[in-house]
Structure formats: structure tokens, C-alpha cells
Amino acid sequence: MNPKETQTRPLWRRVLRGIVVGAVALFLLALTARLAWGYVEARRLNAEIARIRAAGEPVTFEDLRSNTACPVVRPSVETGEADDGGPYYEAALALLRDRDAEPLWNACGTYRDALRASPTSRPSRNVAESVDKLLLDNTLTLDMLDRGAQCPTCRFAIGIEFGMGRCLEQLARARAAAKLLAARTLVRASQGQGDEAVESLISLLRLRRVFEPPITIAYLVKIASDSLACEDAAIILEVCRPSDPALMRLGDALLTTDGPRLLERRIAERAYAEFSGETAKPPTLLERSLLAERVYGLQCMRDLISDRLGSASAAGAAGPLPGQWPAGGFWMRPMALHWATGYLCDLSEFVQLARRPLPEALDVIRRGGPARSTFGRLIAPALEKMFVQTAGADAEARCAAVAVAVERYRRARNRLPASLDELVPEYARSLPSDPFTGKRLLYHHDGQGYLVYSVGENGKDDGGAVARARQGEPPADRGIRVRLPSQGAGKP
């Protein structure tokens, strides 16, 4: 045997043994670090969920339906099952025909554009016939929607707890139902049926109850529906002459776009006061939407948290949902827990932000927003968009309600008010503020019409530029312009 080989073998053995020992040590070190990191992140996640529960906020879909921190009206002495519009809305969405039909979208848009061209313009015969046929085909659906609107409560809601597929299908149906009601409103207005057009528009405004409490996608559909309703309110004021009681009902309906009807609000306020011991308003729809979004997030991460909360039901699991939070496997689980905790903390910050006045919340968003975690920054743009669009929709609704009061003043006194102060208290109990600034809404008038508007997202007065510059883009200012008949402002 070669002596050189005899000397080399022990060296290779030492090297190999060193490699094995080093690998085992590294593995044990990595395992220890992983277990320690996972333990710390699991405790942080548990602590955040415990904090949410201790605050009385929902962590499951059942909490959303029953928790007084996010109140949903239940049958009571004041509101029995007979007062529930939910079955009518559910039937209306089931009966809706051609919910994805492109002609409905195109015809409704064309009809609206024709009426907005001037107070005396009308759509072409082909467009009018197309819309009439759509309305005739959905007569029963419209009847169910009207019956639902007449009920003081609604216990049917488009929820994510039954799966994203069903939720998206119901959203498509609700969006089509909103378009259908808008089309009927336009037809009645063009035919000079003022009171009937107002009632149709109120049915559209009350349809938003099926979106509550919505996650982000449903909330944005609700906002778009409200914006359309405000445009149609301007058309009603321009092209027909509703009675004063009808205008009063329309003004009240426009001012409740961010909450339930008066009876529901009164019961919700009472339930909230009993729960919190404080005389305070219940959560706004924006806050409820963010609470629902957080519950959905907890559902998606149930594979992460079920073994740390005792059971899957404790985490609120209600069957498979798409978009499940990745468990990440054994080694990546601490990272997934870290992302999940950051996500929940950031959503909690957004919930707190929604409890502040909108001008303050928008100021925080302009300065960078509350999101701090990696995953939170990914979803922050969509959540921040909810705040901006909420302010825009609220501004348009408030401006439309003030415009209704201006119109009532004009018809009663045969002139336009010199300032909005003249509307109080006979035509408006109080004047709503600009949700973008917290200051007063702006008002201009001339011989052609009048304009009530908010400064919009940029916080600047752009002279009442309420027309959309491009399709899909919001106008510089948010509000409503009403043109007067050709006789001038002095004629009713």
C-alpha cells in the first residue's frame, strides 16, 4: 500500500466529519431559529386577534351578522319579518333576465347622454324602443325591487361567506338590477312623470342595502351605483316637475346613502348604545366594509390560525374560499405568519382611520397612509381608493340633496336663492359639509342654471368642473349642475 494514501485517508475523514458536523449544526441552528421565529410570530398573530375580539369587533362572518359593533338589524317588536325586504330583493335578482346583456349597459348610457345634452332633448326612437323592451321583459323583477324598497329593513345581503363565485354572480345581478332601475327612472323622467321617476330613483337608492356589509369589490359597485343615482337626480330636476312631497322624499333618500333608513338607524344606534354604554353613532358603511374585509382575510388565513385558536370554527371557517392565505410549508410558515400579522394590523389601522372624519382620513392618506407592513402596502392602494371614492360619492349625494332643496325653493318663490343659507330651515334642516374639506359646499347660479359642488380630491376649487374629462376618470370637482328651462331662472 502506498504510504501517501495511508496519510491522506484520515484527512478526508476529518474533512468529511467536519462537513457533516457543520451541516448538522447549521440545520439545528436553522431549526431553532425557525421554531423561535414561528413562536414569536404566532404569539403576535394571536395577540392581534385577541385584541380585535377584546374590542368587540367581528372576527367571523357570524360576528358580522350579530355583533353590535357592526350591527345588522334583526326581527324585533319594531321590525318583524313582514317588514323585511330581503325576500323581495332575493327574488328580484333570481328573476332578472339577461343580466349580462350588453344592450342594457349601452342603452342606459345612451339614454342618459341624450337627456343630459339639454333639458329638452330625447333619445332616438331605436334607443327608446330598446330600453322599453328591456323594462317590459323585467316587469316582475322591477315589481320585486319596488316591494323591497318599501320595506323598512333588509336582511338579505350579498356576502362573501358563501364563496367568491356566488358573491360575484350576485354582484353582477345587483349591478344589472341597478341599471334596470336607472333606465326606468330615465324613461319616466323623459315622459314627464316626475313623481314616478322620483320613486324609481328612491328604489335604486334603497337597493344599496343588499351590499351591506360589503368587502371591497362590493363596496365599489355600491359607490358606482350611488354616483349614477346622483346623475339621474339632476336629470329629474331638469326634464320634469315632481311634486314638492316627492322632492322632499328624494332629498331624504339622497342624504342616507351612507347608512340605513331612519328606522334601521334608530335601532342600530340603540343597539350600539346598549353595547358600548355610549350615545354614539353606529359604524358607517365604510367602516363596516373594512371590518368585513378583515373578516374575509381571517377566513383566507384560517390554515395559519386554526391550530393556534383551538379549532377551525374559532377562526370563523365557513367552507373553502378562493384566495386562501398561503401556509407556506414548514420553513416558510413564520414568514406567512409575519405577513398575516402585518396585514391584520394594517387593516385595523384602516378601520381606525374610517372612524375619523373623512377630511382627516383623506389627509392621512395624502401623507402616505397607515399601511406599514409588506403585504399591507400591496393592498393599501385599493383600500385608500375606498376612502377617496366614499368622499366623492358622499359629495355628489350631498350636492344632489342640496340641489333638490334649491329646486324646491325656486319653484316656491319663483327665483333662485342668493346663497345656500336661505334654504335653512324651511327647505333643509341643515346644510351638509364638503366631505373632502369639512367646509361648506360651494354654490353658483346664473341665468342658465345652478351648480352645487365640492372641491374634490385635489382640495382646490376648479370653478365647478363637475363634468368628467375622460371616461372612467373622476371630475376635478364633485357635484351637480342643473340647467333651467329656456325661459330663465325667474320662471318655475
Protein backbone atom coordinates (compact mmCIF):
# COMPACT_ATOMS: atom_id res chain seq x y z
CA MET A 1 0.00 0.00 0.00
CA ASN A 2 1.25 3.45 -0.87
CA PRO A 3 2.24 5.32 2.34
CA LYS A 4 0.90 8.58 0.85
CA GLU A 5 -2.60 7.08 0.62
CA THR A 6 -2.37 5.95 4.23
CA GLN A 7 -1.66 9.53 5.34
CA THR A 8 -4.40 11.05 3.16
CA ARG A 9 -7.34 8.92 4.35
CA PRO A 10 -7.54 10.34 7.89
CA LEU A 11 -7.54 13.86 6.46
CA TRP A 12 -10.52 13.15 4.20
CA ARG A 13 -12.31 11.53 7.07
CA ARG A 14 -11.70 14.56 9.24
CA VAL A 15 -12.92 16.87 6.47
CA LEU A 16 -16.00 14.76 5.84
CA ARG A 17 -16.73 14.51 9.55
CA GLY A 18 -16.32 18.28 9.83
CA ILE A 19 -18.70 18.84 6.95
CA VAL A 20 -21.31 16.52 8.47
CA VAL A 21 -20.99 18.05 11.92
CA GLY A 22 -21.16 21.56 10.45
CA ALA A 23 -24.23 20.68 8.38
CA VAL A 24 -25.97 19.16 11.39
CA ALA A 25 -25.09 22.21 13.50
CA LEU A 26 -26.37 24.56 10.80
CA PHE A 27 -29.56 22.52 10.48
CA LEU A 28 -30.14 22.57 14.22
CA LEU A 29 -29.40 26.29 14.33
CA ALA A 30 -31.82 26.94 11.44
CA LEU A 31 -34.45 24.71 13.05
CA THR A 32 -34.07 26.51 16.37
CA ALA A 33 -34.28 29.89 14.66
CA ARG A 34 -37.33 28.78 12.66
CA LEU A 35 -39.11 27.47 15.76
CA ALA A 36 -38.28 30.61 17.73
CA TRP A 37 -39.37 32.90 14.88
CA GLY A 38 -42.55 30.89 14.34
CA TYR A 39 -43.33 31.02 18.06
CA VAL A 40 -42.84 34.80 18.19
CA GLU A 41 -44.92 35.41 15.04
CA ALA A 42 -47.68 33.05 16.24
CA ARG A 43 -47.85 34.96 19.53
CA ARG A 44 -48.04 38.27 17.65
CA LEU A 45 -50.85 36.94 15.45
CA ASN A 46 -52.73 35.54 18.45
CA ALA A 47 -52.30 38.83 20.27
CA GLU A 48 -53.73 40.83 17.34
CA ILE A 49 -56.75 38.51 17.01
CA ALA A 50 -57.29 38.69 20.78
CA ARG A 51 -57.11 42.49 20.60
CA ILE A 52 -59.75 42.52 17.84
CA ARG A 53 -62.03 40.30 19.91
CA ALA A 54 -61.47 42.32 23.07
CA ALA A 55 -62.52 45.44 21.17
CA GLY A 56 -65.85 43.75 20.39
CA GLU A 57 -65.07 43.72 16.66
CA PRO A 58 -66.05 40.82 14.38
CA VAL A 59 -63.63 38.02 13.54
CA THR A 60 -66.12 35.67 11.85
CA PHE A 61 -68.96 36.06 9.38
CA GLU A 62 -71.39 35.19 12.15
CA ASP A 63 -69.98 38.11 14.14
CA LEU A 64 -70.71 40.38 11.21
CA ARG A 65 -74.33 39.32 11.27
CA SER A 66 -74.82 39.53 15.03
CA ASN A 67 -72.15 41.68 16.63
CA THR A 68 -73.37 45.08 17.83
CA ALA A 69 -70.07 46.65 16.81
CA CYS A 70 -71.16 46.01 13.25
CA PRO A 71 -74.95 45.98 13.67
CA VAL A 72 -77.32 44.25 11.33
CA VAL A 73 -81.00 44.75 12.12
CA ARG A 74 -82.77 41.62 13.35
CA PRO A 75 -86.51 40.95 13.71
CA SER A 76 -87.90 42.78 16.72
CA VAL A 77 -91.07 44.35 18.03
CA GLU A 78 -90.43 47.32 15.73
CA THR A 79 -89.33 45.35 12.69
CA GLY A 80 -90.96 42.00 12.11
CA GLU A 81 -90.42 39.53 9.31
CA ALA A 82 -93.18 41.22 7.31
CA ASP A 83 -91.08 44.39 7.25
CA ASP A 84 -88.08 42.63 5.71
CA GLY A 85 -87.39 43.50 2.08
CA GLY A 86 -84.78 40.74 1.78
CA PRO A 87 -87.05 38.10 0.20
CA TYR A 88 -88.17 40.60 -2.44
CA TYR A 89 -84.59 41.51 -3.33
CA GLU A 90 -83.57 37.87 -3.45
CA ALA A 91 -86.49 37.09 -5.74
CA ALA A 92 -85.75 40.11 -7.93
CA LEU A 93 -82.13 39.05 -8.50
CA ALA A 94 -83.25 35.49 -9.26
CA LEU A 95 -85.90 36.68 -11.76
CA LEU A 96 -83.63 39.15 -13.53
CA ARG A 97 -83.36 38.38 -17.23
CA ASP A 98 -80.27 38.99 -19.40
CA ARG A 99 -78.21 40.31 -16.51
CA ASP A 100 -75.06 40.29 -18.63
CA ALA A 101 -76.72 41.72 -21.72
CA GLU A 102 -74.55 44.41 -23.29
CA PRO A 103 -77.60 46.24 -24.71
CA LEU A 104 -78.69 47.13 -21.18
CA TRP A 105 -75.42 48.94 -20.43
CA ASN A 106 -75.24 50.65 -23.82
CA ALA A 107 -78.92 51.64 -23.99
CA CYS A 108 -78.94 53.06 -20.46
CA GLY A 109 -75.80 55.10 -21.12
CA THR A 110 -77.09 56.38 -24.45
CA TYR A 111 -80.43 57.31 -22.88
CA ARG A 112 -78.70 59.25 -20.11
CA ASP A 113 -76.38 61.06 -22.53
CA ALA A 114 -79.33 62.12 -24.67
CA LEU A 115 -81.22 63.57 -21.70
CA ARG A 116 -78.10 65.32 -20.41
CA ALA A 117 -77.49 67.01 -23.76
CA SER A 118 -80.20 69.55 -22.95
CA PRO A 119 -83.38 69.65 -20.82
CA THR A 120 -85.49 69.30 -23.97
CA SER A 121 -83.52 66.59 -25.80
CA ARG A 122 -84.73 62.99 -26.03
CA PRO A 123 -83.09 59.71 -27.12
CA SER A 124 -83.60 58.30 -30.57
CA ARG A 125 -86.55 56.07 -31.31
CA ASN A 126 -84.39 52.94 -31.58
CA VAL A 127 -82.79 53.56 -28.18
CA ALA A 128 -86.16 54.29 -26.57
CA GLU A 129 -87.68 51.11 -28.01
CA SER A 130 -84.70 49.04 -26.87
CA VAL A 131 -84.99 50.33 -23.29
CA ASP A 132 -88.76 49.87 -23.27
CA LYS A 133 -88.33 46.24 -24.29
CA LEU A 134 -85.76 45.63 -21.53
CA LEU A 135 -88.14 47.11 -18.97
CA LEU A 136 -91.06 45.08 -20.27
CA ASP A 137 -89.05 41.85 -20.13
CA ASN A 138 -88.18 42.56 -16.49
CA THR A 139 -91.56 43.77 -15.25
CA LEU A 140 -91.70 41.21 -12.45
CA THR A 141 -88.13 41.98 -11.40
CA LEU A 142 -88.91 45.70 -11.15
CA ASP A 143 -92.03 44.95 -9.13
CA MET A 144 -89.99 42.89 -6.63
CA LEU A 145 -87.40 45.68 -6.36
CA ASP A 146 -90.13 48.24 -5.64
CA ARG A 147 -91.69 45.99 -3.00
CA GLY A 148 -88.31 45.53 -1.35
CA ALA A 149 -87.71 49.28 -1.36
CA GLN A 150 -90.96 49.87 0.52
CA CYS A 151 -89.85 47.66 3.43
CA PRO A 152 -88.08 49.39 6.32
CA THR A 153 -85.44 46.69 6.77
CA CYS A 154 -83.41 44.34 4.59
CA ARG A 155 -81.90 41.12 5.88
CA PHE A 156 -80.66 39.88 2.53
CA ALA A 157 -77.09 40.80 1.70
CA ILE A 158 -74.54 39.84 -0.93
CA GLY A 159 -71.92 38.17 1.25
CA ILE A 160 -68.57 36.54 0.58
CA GLU A 161 -69.10 33.81 3.22
CA PHE A 162 -70.76 31.51 0.68
CA GLY A 163 -67.84 31.73 -1.74
CA MET A 164 -66.42 34.23 -4.16
CA GLY A 165 -68.17 32.66 -7.16
CA ARG A 166 -71.64 33.18 -5.73
CA CYS A 167 -70.70 36.63 -4.49
CA LEU A 168 -69.52 37.74 -7.94
CA GLU A 169 -72.64 36.30 -9.57
CA GLN A 170 -74.90 38.14 -7.13
CA LEU A 171 -72.89 41.32 -7.65
CA ALA A 172 -73.41 41.06 -11.41
CA ARG A 173 -77.14 40.63 -10.85
CA ALA A 174 -77.32 43.55 -8.40
CA ARG A 175 -75.41 45.76 -10.82
CA ALA A 176 -77.81 44.84 -13.61
CA ALA A 177 -80.79 45.50 -11.33
CA ALA A 178 -79.37 48.96 -10.55
CA LYS A 179 -79.00 49.66 -14.28
CA LEU A 180 -82.55 48.49 -14.84
CA LEU A 181 -83.93 50.84 -12.19
CA ALA A 182 -81.83 53.68 -13.60
CA ALA A 183 -83.21 53.01 -17.08
CA ARG A 184 -86.77 53.10 -15.78
CA THR A 185 -86.05 56.36 -13.95
CA LEU A 186 -84.79 57.94 -17.17
CA VAL A 187 -87.80 56.74 -19.16
CA ARG A 188 -90.25 58.13 -16.64
CA ALA A 189 -88.39 61.44 -16.47
CA SER A 190 -88.35 61.77 -20.27
CA GLN A 191 -92.11 61.18 -20.30
CA GLY A 192 -92.70 63.92 -17.73
CA GLN A 193 -93.73 61.51 -14.96
CA GLY A 194 -91.96 63.40 -12.19
CA ASP A 195 -93.26 61.64 -9.08
CA GLU A 196 -92.94 58.22 -10.69
CA ALA A 197 -89.34 58.99 -11.71
CA VAL A 198 -88.54 60.03 -8.14
CA GLU A 199 -89.99 56.81 -6.71
CA SER A 200 -87.96 54.78 -9.21
CA LEU A 201 -84.79 56.62 -8.18
CA ILE A 202 -85.56 56.04 -4.49
CA SER A 203 -85.89 52.32 -5.26
CA LEU A 204 -82.41 52.48 -6.78
CA LEU A 205 -81.00 54.26 -3.72
CA ARG A 206 -82.54 51.68 -1.37
CA LEU A 207 -81.19 48.78 -3.42
CA ARG A 208 -77.75 49.58 -1.95
CA ARG A 209 -78.87 47.78 1.23
CA VAL A 210 -78.06 44.44 -0.40
CA PHE A 211 -74.36 45.41 -0.43
CA GLU A 212 -74.09 45.62 3.36
CA PRO A 213 -71.68 44.85 4.88
CA PRO A 214 -69.62 44.53 1.69
CA ILE A 215 -65.99 43.65 1.06
CA THR A 216 -64.01 45.97 -1.21
CA ILE A 217 -65.33 44.81 -4.58
CA ALA A 218 -68.98 45.03 -3.49
CA TYR A 219 -68.38 48.38 -1.85
CA LEU A 220 -67.00 49.86 -5.08
CA VAL A 221 -70.05 48.57 -7.01
CA LYS A 222 -72.27 50.25 -4.42
CA ILE A 223 -70.36 53.54 -4.81
CA ALA A 224 -70.74 53.42 -8.61
CA SER A 225 -74.48 52.80 -8.22
CA ASP A 226 -74.85 55.81 -5.92
CA SER A 227 -72.96 58.01 -8.37
CA LEU A 228 -75.34 57.05 -11.18
CA ALA A 229 -78.31 57.85 -8.96
CA CYS A 230 -76.98 61.36 -8.35
CA GLU A 231 -76.61 61.96 -12.09
CA ASP A 232 -80.18 60.83 -12.61
CA ALA A 233 -81.37 63.16 -9.84
CA ALA A 234 -80.06 66.09 -11.91
CA ILE A 235 -81.92 64.80 -14.96
CA ILE A 236 -85.18 64.57 -12.99
CA LEU A 237 -84.80 68.17 -11.83
CA GLU A 238 -84.15 69.33 -15.39
CA VAL A 239 -86.65 67.48 -17.55
CA CYS A 240 -89.77 67.00 -15.38
CA ARG A 241 -91.64 68.57 -12.49
CA PRO A 242 -92.08 66.29 -9.45
CA SER A 243 -94.36 67.42 -6.66
CA ASP A 244 -92.87 69.03 -3.57
CA PRO A 245 -93.55 65.98 -1.32
CA ALA A 246 -91.78 63.77 -3.88
CA LEU A 247 -88.78 66.10 -3.90
CA MET A 248 -88.69 66.01 -0.09
CA ARG A 249 -88.57 62.19 -0.17
CA LEU A 250 -85.81 62.30 -2.77
CA GLY A 251 -83.73 64.71 -0.70
CA ASP A 252 -84.03 62.48 2.38
CA ALA A 253 -83.08 59.38 0.38
CA LEU A 254 -80.00 61.10 -1.07
CA LEU A 255 -78.77 62.07 2.38
CA THR A 256 -78.88 58.47 3.66
CA THR A 257 -76.50 56.98 1.08
CA ASP A 258 -74.02 56.10 3.84
CA GLY A 259 -76.39 54.42 6.24
CA PRO A 260 -79.63 52.51 6.72
CA ARG A 261 -83.01 54.14 6.61
CA LEU A 262 -84.22 56.09 9.63
CA LEU A 263 -85.89 53.20 11.42
CA GLU A 264 -82.88 50.93 10.90
CA ARG A 265 -80.52 53.71 12.02
CA ARG A 266 -82.54 54.32 15.19
CA ILE A 267 -82.46 50.63 16.14
CA ALA A 268 -78.76 50.36 15.29
CA GLU A 269 -77.95 53.40 17.42
CA ARG A 270 -79.90 51.91 20.33
CA ALA A 271 -78.10 48.56 20.00
CA TYR A 272 -74.73 50.31 19.81
CA ALA A 273 -75.52 52.41 22.90
CA GLU A 274 -76.58 49.30 24.85
CA PHE A 275 -73.37 47.53 23.85
CA SER A 276 -70.89 50.36 24.40
CA GLY A 277 -72.67 52.34 27.09
CA GLU A 278 -72.15 55.44 24.98
CA THR A 279 -74.53 57.56 22.98
CA ALA A 280 -72.74 57.30 19.66
CA LYS A 281 -73.49 56.65 16.06
CA PRO A 282 -73.07 53.11 14.74
CA PRO A 283 -70.27 52.41 12.25
CA THR A 284 -70.50 53.97 8.81
CA LEU A 285 -70.74 51.75 5.74
CA LEU A 286 -67.05 52.40 5.01
CA GLU A 287 -66.06 51.13 8.46
CA ARG A 288 -68.34 48.11 8.13
CA SER A 289 -66.81 47.35 4.76
CA LEU A 290 -63.30 47.37 6.22
CA LEU A 291 -64.45 45.15 9.10
CA ALA A 292 -65.91 42.73 6.55
CA GLU A 293 -62.67 42.83 4.55
CA ARG A 294 -60.71 41.90 7.68
CA VAL A 295 -63.08 39.00 8.44
CA TYR A 296 -62.58 37.77 4.88
CA GLY A 297 -58.81 37.99 5.42
CA LEU A 298 -59.12 35.91 8.59
CA GLN A 299 -61.14 33.35 6.65
CA CYS A 300 -58.44 33.14 3.99
CA MET A 301 -55.69 32.64 6.58
CA ARG A 302 -57.57 30.01 8.60
CA ASP A 303 -54.96 27.36 7.72
CA LEU A 304 -52.45 29.53 9.56
CA ILE A 305 -54.51 30.31 12.63
CA SER A 306 -56.85 27.33 13.16
CA ASP A 307 -54.32 25.29 15.14
CA ARG A 308 -53.48 28.33 17.25
CA LEU A 309 -57.06 29.27 18.10
CA GLY A 310 -58.22 25.84 19.13
CA SER A 311 -60.29 24.92 16.08
CA ALA A 312 -61.11 25.97 12.56
CA SER A 313 -64.50 27.16 13.70
CA ALA A 314 -62.83 29.52 16.16
CA ALA A 315 -61.20 31.20 13.22
CA GLY A 316 -64.53 31.52 11.54
CA ALA A 317 -64.03 28.95 8.80
CA ALA A 318 -67.15 28.55 6.70
CA GLY A 319 -66.05 26.36 3.85
CA PRO A 320 -63.46 26.76 1.10
CA LEU A 321 -62.85 30.26 -0.18
CA PRO A 322 -60.62 31.26 -3.09
CA GLY A 323 -57.54 33.29 -2.36
CA GLN A 324 -56.50 31.26 0.70
CA TRP A 325 -53.54 32.69 2.54
CA PRO A 326 -50.51 30.52 1.75
CA ALA A 327 -49.50 28.39 4.73
CA GLY A 328 -46.01 28.40 3.20
CA GLY A 329 -44.89 24.95 4.31
CA PHE A 330 -42.83 24.24 7.42
CA TRP A 331 -39.92 26.56 6.72
CA MET A 332 -41.88 29.47 5.23
CA ARG A 333 -44.67 29.37 7.80
CA PRO A 334 -43.09 32.03 10.08
CA MET A 335 -42.88 34.40 7.11
CA ALA A 336 -46.54 33.73 6.29
CA LEU A 337 -47.44 34.40 9.94
CA HIS A 338 -45.41 37.62 9.82
CA TRP A 339 -47.25 38.80 6.68
CA ALA A 340 -50.61 37.81 8.16
CA THR A 341 -49.98 39.77 11.36
CA GLY A 342 -48.84 42.83 9.43
CA TYR A 343 -51.91 42.58 7.21
CA LEU A 344 -54.29 42.44 10.19
CA CYS A 345 -52.51 45.30 11.95
CA ASP A 346 -52.69 47.47 8.84
CA LEU A 347 -56.38 46.66 8.31
CA SER A 348 -57.00 47.59 11.94
CA GLU A 349 -55.32 50.93 11.26
CA PHE A 350 -57.62 51.45 8.28
CA VAL A 351 -60.63 50.62 10.47
CA GLN A 352 -59.48 53.24 12.98
CA LEU A 353 -58.96 55.68 10.11
CA ALA A 354 -62.54 55.09 8.93
CA ARG A 355 -63.78 56.22 12.35
CA ARG A 356 -62.27 59.64 11.88
CA PRO A 357 -63.94 62.43 9.89
CA LEU A 358 -63.36 61.96 6.18
CA PRO A 359 -61.26 65.14 5.73
CA GLU A 360 -58.87 63.93 8.44
CA ALA A 361 -58.73 60.42 6.97
CA LEU A 362 -58.00 61.78 3.49
CA ASP A 363 -55.23 63.95 4.91
CA VAL A 364 -53.58 60.86 6.44
CA ILE A 365 -53.85 59.07 3.09
CA ARG A 366 -52.25 62.01 1.26
CA ARG A 367 -49.32 61.80 3.68
CA GLY A 368 -48.69 58.15 2.84
CA GLY A 369 -51.49 56.23 4.55
CA PRO A 370 -51.43 53.96 7.61
CA ALA A 371 -50.02 50.80 5.97
CA ARG A 372 -46.62 49.75 7.30
CA SER A 373 -46.23 46.03 6.57
CA THR A 374 -45.03 44.50 3.31
CA PHE A 375 -48.37 42.93 2.42
CA GLY A 376 -50.29 45.92 3.77
CA ARG A 377 -48.57 48.20 1.29
CA LEU A 378 -49.71 45.91 -1.53
CA ILE A 379 -53.39 46.23 -0.64
CA ALA A 380 -53.21 49.84 0.60
CA PRO A 381 -53.96 51.45 -2.81
CA ALA A 382 -57.30 49.60 -3.07
CA LEU A 383 -58.26 50.48 0.50
CA GLU A 384 -57.20 54.11 0.10
CA LYS A 385 -59.26 54.26 -3.08
CA MET A 386 -62.30 53.31 -0.98
CA PHE A 387 -61.82 56.42 1.16
CA VAL A 388 -61.45 58.71 -1.86
CA GLN A 389 -64.43 57.21 -3.66
CA THR A 390 -66.51 57.35 -0.48
CA ALA A 391 -65.78 61.06 -0.19
CA GLY A 392 -66.64 61.53 -3.88
CA ALA A 393 -69.92 59.62 -3.64
CA ASP A 394 -70.87 61.40 -0.42
CA ALA A 395 -70.07 64.76 -2.03
CA GLU A 396 -72.25 64.01 -5.04
CA ALA A 397 -75.12 62.77 -2.87
CA ARG A 398 -74.95 65.80 -0.59
CA CYS A 399 -74.77 68.17 -3.56
CA ALA A 400 -77.75 66.43 -5.17
CA ALA A 401 -79.76 66.72 -1.93
CA VAL A 402 -78.91 70.44 -1.70
CA ALA A 403 -79.84 70.88 -5.38
CA VAL A 404 -83.24 69.32 -4.62
CA ALA A 405 -83.69 71.89 -1.84
CA VAL A 406 -82.65 74.69 -4.24
CA GLU A 407 -85.20 73.47 -6.77
CA ARG A 408 -87.95 73.39 -4.16
CA TYR A 409 -87.01 76.97 -3.17
CA ARG A 410 -87.00 78.11 -6.80
CA ARG A 411 -90.40 76.65 -7.57
CA ALA A 412 -91.97 78.04 -4.41
CA ARG A 413 -90.51 81.56 -4.69
CA ASN A 414 -90.01 81.89 -8.42
CA ARG A 415 -86.31 82.72 -8.03
CA LEU A 416 -83.04 81.07 -7.05
CA PRO A 417 -81.61 81.59 -3.57
CA ALA A 418 -78.76 84.06 -3.40
CA SER A 419 -76.91 81.70 -1.04
CA LEU A 420 -77.49 78.29 0.46
CA ASP A 421 -78.24 79.88 3.83
CA GLU A 422 -81.67 80.85 2.52
CA LEU A 423 -82.60 77.15 2.36
CA VAL A 424 -82.40 76.71 6.14
CA PRO A 425 -84.63 75.75 7.89
CA GLU A 426 -87.64 75.67 5.54
CA TYR A 427 -86.10 73.61 2.73
CA ALA A 428 -83.21 71.97 4.60
CA ARG A 429 -82.82 71.26 8.29
CA SER A 430 -79.09 71.92 7.96
CA LEU A 431 -76.51 72.22 5.21
CA PRO A 432 -74.21 69.21 4.70
CA SER A 433 -70.47 69.84 4.62
CA ASP A 434 -67.94 69.05 1.91
CA PRO A 435 -66.55 65.57 2.80
CA PHE A 436 -63.19 66.48 1.24
CA THR A 437 -62.61 69.55 3.41
CA GLY A 438 -65.22 69.60 6.15
CA LYS A 439 -66.18 73.09 5.00
CA ARG A 440 -69.33 74.31 3.27
CA LEU A 441 -70.34 73.12 -0.17
CA LEU A 442 -69.98 75.70 -2.94
CA TYR A 443 -72.90 77.18 -4.84
CA HIS A 444 -73.07 79.23 -8.03
CA HIS A 445 -76.01 80.26 -10.20
CA ASP A 446 -76.69 82.29 -13.32
CA GLY A 447 -79.40 82.68 -15.93
CA GLN A 448 -78.73 79.19 -17.32
CA GLY A 449 -78.89 77.19 -14.11
CA TYR A 450 -77.28 76.48 -10.76
CA LEU A 451 -74.38 74.43 -9.50
CA VAL A 452 -73.72 72.84 -6.11
CA TYR A 453 -70.28 71.25 -5.79
CA SER A 454 -67.39 70.07 -3.66
CA VAL A 455 -63.74 70.88 -4.28
CA GLY A 456 -62.96 67.23 -4.96
CA GLU A 457 -59.89 65.14 -4.27
CA ASN A 458 -57.34 67.85 -5.09
CA GLY A 459 -58.82 70.15 -2.45
CA LYS A 460 -58.98 73.08 -4.88
CA ASP A 461 -61.91 74.97 -6.29
CA ASP A 462 -61.72 74.33 -10.05
CA GLY A 463 -64.70 76.55 -10.78
CA GLY A 464 -67.29 73.81 -10.64
CA ALA A 465 -65.72 71.45 -13.19
CA VAL A 466 -68.13 68.62 -12.40
CA ALA A 467 -68.18 67.10 -15.89
CA ARG A 468 -65.96 64.07 -16.38
CA ALA A 469 -62.96 64.93 -18.53
CA ARG A 470 -62.38 61.33 -19.66
CA GLN A 471 -64.34 58.12 -19.43
CA GLY A 472 -63.62 56.40 -16.13
CA GLU A 473 -61.85 59.39 -14.59
CA PRO A 474 -63.46 61.46 -11.81
CA PRO A 475 -64.07 65.17 -12.49
CA ALA A 476 -61.88 67.81 -10.86
CA ASP A 477 -64.80 68.97 -8.69
CA ARG A 478 -67.60 66.71 -7.47
CA GLY A 479 -71.17 67.94 -7.60
CA ILE A 480 -74.29 68.51 -9.62
CA ARG A 481 -75.26 71.08 -12.25
CA VAL A 482 -78.94 71.72 -13.02
CA ARG A 483 -79.90 73.70 -16.11
CA LEU A 484 -83.02 75.79 -16.05
CA PRO A 485 -85.71 75.87 -18.74
CA SER A 486 -85.04 78.27 -21.58
CA GLN A 487 -87.38 80.88 -20.05
CA GLY A 488 -84.68 81.73 -17.50
CA ALA A 489 -84.11 81.40 -13.84
CA GLY A 490 -87.06 83.50 -12.90
CA LYS A 491 -89.62 81.01 -14.28
CA PRO A 492 -90.50 77.86 -12.44
